[in-house]
Amino acid sequence: MADTSRAAFVFPGQGAQFVGMGAELAEHSAAARDLFSQTNEILGRDLLKVMREGPEEDLKRTENTQPAVVAFSTALLNEVTARGIKASVVAGHSLGEYTALVASGVLTFAEVMKLVELRGKLMGRAGDQAPGGMAAVMGLADDKLAEICEQTPGIVVVANYNSPGQTVVSGENAAVAAACESFKAAGAKRALMLPVAGAFHSPLMAQANEELMAAIDALEFREPAVAVVTNVDGAAHQNSGEIRSLLKRQMVSGVHWTKSVETMRQLGVGHYIEIGPGKVLAGLIKRIDKEAQTSGVASWEESQALNA
């Protein structure tokens, strides 16, 4: 039975970033200003300027987007925890899993910032070297979708199990396009190509993932203060070795978000607090768990209005 007093912190991935992010937060919060200054020092460049002023094309570059989203989400997280609000479990969608590792104490903010900057660079490069795409599919059962992916010539896999009937596939452009036609023929309501820079969470990221795995292996993973629900298996983990090995597979594996929310519900979570830009996860969570209570913290004002 879910308990609204048991909260989960959930963190979004890339896609909800916007020019101006962090400006309001820095205006109101000395802690946020300090964190953004740290961000610039860690990366050796003025990321805050890109966040605040853009242009949008620069912010959209994955080596900027990824550290920007994590820095903004972490600054908001700090505002929430400073008010004494705690979570019994944390999770993040794709890139958001890295923010969850900061929230749980598995990695430091500085370690994660360097890691996600590298992740962004590698994913951007992989998108250039092994061009591919992604498509959103609505209204088709997961097992049928996976079956069609397997039967389609070329590389196309399920990349995001976002909520029942809302899935994303990823792979070679021709294979994704062919699979989309098959999805529609099988009864999908919609199958639309997405405006992304590469085939994320697919085998086309394998070379990029090799470099990222080396960087992950170079870090010390600490035991989490709270359970981390991971994308690769949608299960809760409290062992740092397990979390490391799963993170090393994340870039080439599907994001099991539906299963992640079901796991949190089984752990008794009744209140999901989405911390970071946008409100995408709250919508997905409501589709997975109709009884869930959700709160969004995408601004300083929302961080101050949040009730435990």
Protein backbone atom coordinates (compact mmCIF):
# COMPACT_ATOMS: atom_id res chain seq x y z
CA MET A 1 0.00 0.00 0.00
CA ALA A 2 1.48 3.35 -1.05
CA ASP A 3 1.97 5.90 1.71
CA THR A 4 1.91 9.60 0.81
CA SER A 5 4.35 10.28 3.63
CA ARG A 6 6.96 8.12 1.84
CA ALA A 7 8.51 10.28 -0.84
CA ALA A 8 10.73 9.63 -3.84
CA PHE A 9 12.91 12.26 -5.50
CA VAL A 10 12.83 11.78 -9.29
CA PHE A 11 15.04 13.66 -11.73
CA PRO A 12 14.42 14.40 -15.43
CA GLY A 13 16.81 13.84 -18.32
CA GLN A 14 17.69 16.12 -21.19
CA GLY A 15 14.95 17.65 -23.30
CA ALA A 16 13.35 20.08 -20.84
CA GLN A 17 16.29 22.51 -20.74
CA PHE A 18 15.54 26.14 -21.60
CA VAL A 19 17.49 29.36 -22.07
CA GLY A 20 17.26 31.28 -18.80
CA MET A 21 17.37 28.20 -16.57
CA GLY A 22 19.01 28.94 -13.25
CA ALA A 23 18.61 32.73 -13.46
CA GLU A 24 15.66 32.97 -11.04
CA LEU A 25 17.27 30.43 -8.73
CA ALA A 26 20.58 32.30 -8.61
CA GLU A 27 18.75 35.57 -7.96
CA HIS A 28 17.05 34.20 -4.83
CA SER A 29 19.53 31.66 -3.47
CA ALA A 30 23.13 32.18 -2.33
CA ALA A 31 23.52 28.37 -2.21
CA ALA A 32 22.52 28.12 -5.88
CA ARG A 33 24.92 30.92 -6.83
CA ASP A 34 27.71 29.03 -5.07
CA LEU A 35 26.81 25.77 -6.82
CA PHE A 36 26.77 27.44 -10.25
CA SER A 37 30.17 29.03 -9.50
CA GLN A 38 31.45 25.57 -8.54
CA THR A 39 30.05 24.24 -11.82
CA ASN A 40 32.07 26.76 -13.83
CA GLU A 41 35.21 25.93 -11.83
CA ILE A 42 34.74 22.17 -12.22
CA LEU A 43 34.23 22.42 -15.99
CA GLY A 44 36.72 25.23 -16.55
CA ARG A 45 34.23 27.27 -18.59
CA ASP A 46 31.21 29.51 -18.12
CA LEU A 47 28.33 27.04 -18.40
CA LEU A 48 26.06 29.35 -16.39
CA LYS A 49 26.33 31.96 -19.17
CA VAL A 50 25.11 29.38 -21.70
CA MET A 51 22.27 28.40 -19.35
CA ARG A 52 21.19 31.99 -18.77
CA GLU A 53 21.81 33.57 -22.18
CA GLY A 54 22.02 30.74 -24.70
CA PRO A 55 21.84 30.83 -27.63
CA GLU A 56 19.52 27.83 -27.70
CA GLU A 57 21.70 26.02 -30.29
CA ASP A 58 24.59 26.09 -27.79
CA LEU A 59 22.46 24.92 -24.87
CA LYS A 60 21.12 22.07 -27.03
CA ARG A 61 24.61 20.68 -27.64
CA THR A 62 24.78 17.53 -25.52
CA GLU A 63 28.07 18.49 -23.82
CA ASN A 64 26.27 21.61 -22.53
CA THR A 65 22.75 20.22 -22.05
CA GLN A 66 23.76 17.37 -19.80
CA PRO A 67 25.83 19.27 -17.19
CA ALA A 68 23.33 22.16 -17.35
CA VAL A 69 20.35 19.94 -16.49
CA VAL A 70 22.25 18.17 -13.69
CA ALA A 71 23.53 21.46 -12.20
CA PHE A 72 20.06 23.03 -12.27
CA SER A 73 18.42 19.91 -10.81
CA THR A 74 21.06 19.65 -8.06
CA ALA A 75 20.63 23.32 -7.12
CA LEU A 76 16.87 22.76 -6.78
CA LEU A 77 17.49 19.55 -4.81
CA ASN A 78 19.63 21.52 -2.35
CA GLU A 79 16.79 24.02 -1.86
CA VAL A 80 14.37 21.16 -1.12
CA THR A 81 16.64 19.29 1.31
CA ALA A 82 17.58 22.55 3.09
CA ARG A 83 13.91 22.74 4.11
CA GLY A 84 14.15 19.32 5.77
CA ILE A 85 12.31 17.42 3.04
CA LYS A 86 13.71 13.92 2.59
CA ALA A 87 13.18 10.97 0.28
CA SER A 88 13.24 7.26 1.05
CA VAL A 89 14.28 6.41 -2.52
CA VAL A 90 15.64 8.25 -5.59
CA ALA A 91 15.51 7.65 -9.35
CA GLY A 92 16.20 9.56 -12.54
CA HIS A 93 15.22 9.16 -16.19
CA SER A 94 18.31 8.57 -18.36
CA LEU A 95 20.60 11.56 -17.60
CA GLY A 96 18.52 12.15 -14.46
CA GLU A 97 19.99 8.98 -12.94
CA TYR A 98 23.26 10.90 -12.52
CA THR A 99 21.48 13.55 -10.43
CA ALA A 100 19.99 10.70 -8.39
CA LEU A 101 23.54 9.49 -7.66
CA VAL A 102 24.37 12.94 -6.25
CA ALA A 103 21.15 12.92 -4.20
CA SER A 104 21.95 9.51 -2.72
CA GLY A 105 25.60 10.34 -1.98
CA VAL A 106 26.99 7.65 -4.31
CA LEU A 107 29.03 10.26 -6.21
CA THR A 108 29.91 13.88 -5.47
CA PHE A 109 28.53 16.77 -7.48
CA ALA A 110 32.00 17.46 -8.94
CA GLU A 111 32.43 13.82 -10.00
CA VAL A 112 29.04 13.73 -11.67
CA MET A 113 29.54 17.05 -13.48
CA LYS A 114 32.76 15.81 -15.11
CA LEU A 115 31.09 12.51 -15.94
CA VAL A 116 28.01 14.03 -17.59
CA GLU A 117 30.08 16.55 -19.56
CA LEU A 118 32.05 13.59 -20.94
CA ARG A 119 28.82 11.63 -21.50
CA GLY A 120 27.39 14.55 -23.46
CA LYS A 121 30.53 14.88 -25.61
CA LEU A 122 30.63 11.14 -26.30
CA MET A 123 26.93 10.94 -27.16
CA GLY A 124 27.23 13.94 -29.48
CA ARG A 125 30.25 12.40 -31.21
CA ALA A 126 28.49 9.02 -31.50
CA GLY A 127 25.54 10.76 -33.14
CA ASP A 128 27.92 12.16 -35.79
CA GLN A 129 29.93 8.96 -36.31
CA ALA A 130 27.06 6.46 -36.23
CA PRO A 131 23.99 8.45 -37.34
CA GLY A 132 20.72 7.15 -36.01
CA GLY A 133 17.38 8.28 -34.70
CA MET A 134 14.61 7.68 -32.22
CA ALA A 135 10.83 7.49 -32.51
CA ALA A 136 7.98 7.79 -30.02
CA VAL A 137 5.32 5.08 -30.25
CA MET A 138 1.86 5.43 -28.68
CA GLY A 139 -0.78 2.79 -28.11
CA LEU A 140 1.08 -0.47 -28.74
CA ALA A 141 1.83 -3.17 -26.15
CA ASP A 142 5.48 -3.47 -25.12
CA ASP A 143 5.80 -7.14 -26.09
CA LYS A 144 4.40 -6.51 -29.59
CA LEU A 145 6.70 -3.53 -30.00
CA ALA A 146 9.77 -5.53 -28.95
CA GLU A 147 8.76 -8.35 -31.32
CA ILE A 148 8.54 -5.93 -34.27
CA CYS A 149 11.95 -4.44 -33.38
CA GLU A 150 13.48 -7.95 -33.45
CA GLN A 151 11.89 -8.74 -36.82
CA THR A 152 12.95 -5.46 -38.48
CA PRO A 153 16.18 -5.64 -40.55
CA GLY A 154 18.98 -3.46 -39.16
CA ILE A 155 19.37 -2.09 -35.64
CA VAL A 156 16.25 -0.89 -33.80
CA VAL A 157 15.58 -1.49 -30.10
CA VAL A 158 13.24 -0.28 -27.36
CA ALA A 159 15.05 2.65 -25.72
CA ASN A 160 12.49 4.01 -23.22
CA TYR A 161 9.61 2.19 -21.55
CA ASN A 162 8.09 5.50 -20.41
CA SER A 163 4.58 4.44 -19.37
CA PRO A 164 2.02 1.87 -20.54
CA GLY A 165 1.41 2.55 -24.22
CA GLN A 166 4.11 5.23 -24.44
CA THR A 167 7.46 3.92 -25.65
CA VAL A 168 10.52 5.17 -27.54
CA VAL A 169 12.58 3.11 -29.99
CA SER A 170 16.13 3.85 -31.12
CA GLY A 171 18.53 2.69 -33.82
CA GLU A 172 19.59 3.13 -37.43
CA ASN A 173 17.41 5.68 -39.24
CA ALA A 174 16.20 3.26 -41.93
CA ALA A 175 15.41 0.55 -39.37
CA VAL A 176 13.55 2.98 -37.10
CA ALA A 177 11.52 4.31 -40.06
CA ALA A 178 10.67 0.76 -41.21
CA ALA A 179 9.70 -0.27 -37.68
CA CYS A 180 7.41 2.78 -37.41
CA GLU A 181 5.45 1.59 -40.46
CA SER A 182 5.13 -1.86 -38.87
CA PHE A 183 4.02 -0.33 -35.55
CA LYS A 184 1.23 1.55 -37.32
CA ALA A 185 0.18 -1.56 -39.24
CA ALA A 186 0.04 -3.44 -35.91
CA GLY A 187 -2.35 -0.84 -34.45
CA ALA A 188 -0.16 1.85 -32.90
CA LYS A 189 -2.01 5.17 -32.56
CA ARG A 190 1.13 7.09 -33.44
CA ALA A 191 4.76 6.44 -34.39
CA LEU A 192 6.74 9.66 -34.81
CA MET A 193 10.43 10.32 -35.43
CA LEU A 194 11.91 12.52 -32.69
CA PRO A 195 14.22 15.53 -33.24
CA VAL A 196 17.28 14.02 -31.50
CA ALA A 197 21.00 14.02 -32.28
CA GLY A 198 21.52 10.26 -32.18
CA ALA A 199 20.30 6.76 -31.38
CA PHE A 200 20.56 7.04 -27.61
CA HIS A 201 20.12 3.94 -25.41
CA SER A 202 20.91 1.65 -28.35
CA PRO A 203 23.87 -0.45 -29.59
CA LEU A 204 24.90 2.53 -31.76
CA MET A 205 26.24 4.09 -28.53
CA ALA A 206 28.59 1.12 -27.89
CA GLN A 207 31.85 2.87 -28.81
CA ALA A 208 30.95 5.96 -26.77
CA ASN A 209 30.00 3.72 -23.88
CA GLU A 210 33.47 2.11 -23.83
CA GLU A 211 35.05 5.49 -23.02
CA LEU A 212 32.38 6.35 -20.47
CA MET A 213 32.83 2.99 -18.72
CA ALA A 214 36.53 3.73 -18.24
CA ALA A 215 35.66 7.08 -16.60
CA ILE A 216 33.04 5.40 -14.37
CA ASP A 217 35.57 2.75 -13.31
CA ALA A 218 38.05 5.47 -12.30
CA LEU A 219 35.64 6.82 -9.64
CA GLU A 220 34.96 5.63 -6.11
CA PHE A 221 31.29 4.73 -5.72
CA ARG A 222 30.04 5.13 -2.13
CA GLU A 223 27.20 3.22 -0.48
CA PRO A 224 23.93 5.14 -1.07
CA ALA A 225 22.19 6.90 1.82
CA VAL A 226 18.86 5.85 0.27
CA ALA A 227 17.93 3.22 -2.31
CA VAL A 228 18.56 4.08 -5.98
CA VAL A 229 16.13 2.67 -8.55
CA THR A 230 18.15 2.18 -11.73
CA ASN A 231 17.10 2.54 -15.37
CA VAL A 232 18.64 -0.67 -16.70
CA ASP A 233 16.58 -3.05 -14.56
CA GLY A 234 13.96 -0.86 -12.85
CA ALA A 235 15.01 -2.34 -9.48
CA ALA A 236 16.08 -0.73 -6.19
CA HIS A 237 19.75 -0.98 -5.23
CA GLN A 238 21.68 -0.14 -2.08
CA ASN A 239 25.01 -1.67 -3.09
CA SER A 240 27.53 0.68 -4.71
CA GLY A 241 29.06 -2.12 -6.81
CA GLU A 242 25.69 -3.00 -8.33
CA ILE A 243 24.96 0.68 -9.03
CA ARG A 244 28.33 1.09 -10.78
CA SER A 245 27.87 -1.98 -13.01
CA LEU A 246 24.35 -0.91 -14.00
CA LEU A 247 25.44 2.67 -14.76
CA LYS A 248 28.11 1.27 -17.08
CA ARG A 249 25.35 -0.38 -19.15
CA GLN A 250 22.90 2.54 -19.11
CA MET A 251 23.92 4.28 -22.34
CA VAL A 252 23.38 1.14 -24.45
CA SER A 253 20.34 -0.21 -22.57
CA GLY A 254 16.66 0.68 -22.42
CA VAL A 255 15.27 2.97 -19.72
CA HIS A 256 12.74 0.91 -17.73
CA TRP A 257 10.78 3.83 -16.29
CA THR A 258 7.43 2.01 -15.96
CA LYS A 259 9.09 -0.76 -13.95
CA SER A 260 11.01 1.84 -11.90
CA VAL A 261 7.78 3.52 -10.78
CA GLU A 262 6.18 0.15 -10.05
CA THR A 263 9.22 -0.71 -7.89
CA MET A 264 8.90 2.56 -5.97
CA ARG A 265 5.19 1.94 -5.45
CA GLN A 266 6.00 -1.53 -4.06
CA LEU A 267 8.47 0.15 -1.67
CA GLY A 268 5.51 2.14 -0.32
CA VAL A 269 6.16 5.44 -2.12
CA GLY A 270 3.03 7.54 -2.49
CA HIS A 271 4.54 10.98 -3.19
CA TYR A 272 6.86 11.57 -6.15
CA ILE A 273 8.75 14.87 -6.13
CA GLU A 274 10.11 15.73 -9.59
CA ILE A 275 13.14 18.00 -9.22
CA GLY A 276 14.52 19.69 -12.33
CA PRO A 277 13.32 21.37 -15.52
CA GLY A 278 9.89 20.45 -16.87
CA LYS A 279 7.08 18.24 -15.61
CA VAL A 280 7.44 15.25 -17.93
CA LEU A 281 8.03 12.59 -15.26
CA ALA A 282 4.99 13.62 -13.20
CA GLY A 283 2.79 12.96 -16.24
CA LEU A 284 4.36 9.55 -16.85
CA ILE A 285 4.09 8.59 -13.16
CA LYS A 286 0.36 9.45 -13.12
CA ARG A 287 -0.17 7.10 -16.08
CA ILE A 288 1.71 4.29 -14.32
CA ASP A 289 0.28 4.80 -10.81
CA LYS A 290 -3.14 6.47 -10.88
CA GLU A 291 -3.11 6.95 -7.09
CA ALA A 292 0.30 8.62 -6.95
CA GLN A 293 0.67 12.11 -5.55
CA THR A 294 3.14 14.18 -7.58
CA SER A 295 4.83 17.51 -6.97
CA GLY A 296 7.04 19.44 -9.37
CA VAL A 297 10.04 21.55 -8.39
CA ALA A 298 11.25 23.34 -11.52
CA SER A 299 11.88 26.79 -9.98
CA TRP A 300 13.01 28.47 -6.78
CA GLU A 301 9.40 29.47 -6.07
CA GLU A 302 8.23 25.85 -6.33
CA SER A 303 11.07 24.69 -4.06
CA GLN A 304 9.82 27.06 -1.36
CA ALA A 305 6.15 26.12 -1.80
CA LEU A 306 6.76 22.37 -1.58
CA ASN A 307 5.25 20.57 1.40
CA ALA A 308 6.79 17.37 2.71
